[in-house]
Amino acid sequence: MADKRLLWMGTARADLREFPAAARRLAGFQLRRVQQGLDPNIIHAFAKKARKTSRHDLEIGRERFRVLIATRKQQYAKEQPR
């Protein structure tokens, strides 16, 4: 099976590049899982500075997930024979 293509949403790619090397490496492993068709352990990455995740970061994650699901449905519909 060929690897799936990654779709970067919003500022995700640029944000990830700002992370420390160890965090980038971990994210890379998770993204590789996605490309292989496996479930990731992360969806939205952000620099956590407080104990509680901000409402803003939670909403970004939710919105990106909604867009991802809609995109997958569109791609699936295009691949189905009529």
Protein backbone atom coordinates (compact mmCIF):
# COMPACT_ATOMS: atom_id res chain seq x y z
CA MET A 1 0.00 0.00 0.00
CA ALA A 2 1.34 3.41 -0.93
CA ASP A 3 1.79 6.01 1.78
CA LYS A 4 -0.96 8.57 2.14
CA ARG A 5 -0.17 12.19 1.34
CA LEU A 6 0.01 14.61 4.26
CA LEU A 7 -2.25 17.65 4.14
CA TRP A 8 -0.94 20.56 6.23
CA MET A 9 -3.69 22.78 7.57
CA GLY A 10 -3.37 26.39 8.62
CA THR A 11 -0.05 27.17 10.24
CA ALA A 12 0.55 23.59 11.36
CA ARG A 13 3.74 23.00 9.36
CA ALA A 14 5.34 26.31 10.32
CA ASP A 15 4.30 25.82 13.95
CA LEU A 16 5.87 22.37 14.02
CA ARG A 17 9.15 23.73 12.70
CA GLU A 18 9.35 25.98 15.78
CA PHE A 19 9.32 23.00 18.17
CA PRO A 20 12.45 21.55 19.80
CA ALA A 21 14.14 18.71 17.89
CA ALA A 22 12.77 15.95 20.18
CA ALA A 23 9.19 17.17 19.76
CA ARG A 24 9.61 17.44 15.98
CA ARG A 25 10.95 13.89 15.89
CA LEU A 26 7.99 12.58 17.89
CA ALA A 27 5.56 14.43 15.63
CA GLY A 28 7.36 12.98 12.61
CA PHE A 29 6.77 9.45 13.91
CA GLN A 30 3.09 10.23 14.43
CA LEU A 31 2.76 11.73 10.95
CA ARG A 32 4.42 8.64 9.51
CA ARG A 33 1.75 6.53 11.25
CA VAL A 34 -0.91 8.59 9.50
CA GLN A 35 0.78 8.12 6.14
CA GLN A 36 0.77 4.36 6.73
CA GLY A 37 -2.95 4.37 7.47
CA LEU A 38 -2.58 3.98 11.23
CA ASP A 39 -4.24 6.17 13.84
CA PRO A 40 -2.09 8.99 15.24
CA ASN A 41 -1.69 9.76 18.93
CA ILE A 42 -1.68 13.54 18.12
CA ILE A 43 -3.86 15.74 15.92
CA HIS A 44 -2.97 19.30 16.91
CA ALA A 45 0.42 20.40 18.17
CA PHE A 46 1.01 23.52 20.20
CA ALA A 47 3.44 24.81 22.80
CA LYS A 48 1.86 24.03 26.15
CA LYS A 49 2.71 26.67 28.73
CA ALA A 50 -0.05 26.10 31.28
CA ARG A 51 -1.59 23.06 32.95
CA LYS A 52 -4.92 23.58 31.20
CA THR A 53 -5.19 23.50 27.41
CA SER A 54 -6.53 26.80 26.16
CA ARG A 55 -9.98 26.99 24.62
CA HIS A 56 -8.39 28.50 21.51
CA ASP A 57 -6.07 25.50 20.99
CA LEU A 58 -8.91 23.06 21.59
CA GLU A 59 -11.05 24.81 18.99
CA ILE A 60 -8.20 24.82 16.46
CA GLY A 61 -7.82 21.06 16.95
CA ARG A 62 -11.55 20.46 16.60
CA GLU A 63 -11.82 22.60 13.46
CA ARG A 64 -8.83 20.94 11.81
CA PHE A 65 -10.30 17.54 12.62
CA ARG A 66 -13.66 18.55 11.07
CA VAL A 67 -11.90 19.74 7.91
CA LEU A 68 -9.88 16.52 7.78
CA ILE A 69 -13.00 14.35 7.99
CA ALA A 70 -14.77 16.42 5.30
CA THR A 71 -11.71 16.20 3.03
CA ARG A 72 -11.51 12.43 3.48
CA LYS A 73 -15.21 12.05 2.64
CA GLN A 74 -14.74 14.09 -0.54
CA GLN A 75 -11.70 12.06 -1.57
CA TYR A 76 -13.52 8.80 -0.84
CA ALA A 77 -16.51 9.89 -2.93
CA LYS A 78 -14.22 10.71 -5.89
CA GLU A 79 -12.54 7.29 -5.68
CA GLN A 80 -15.79 5.29 -5.69
CA PRO A 81 -16.94 3.90 -9.05
CA ARG A 82 -20.27 5.20 -10.25
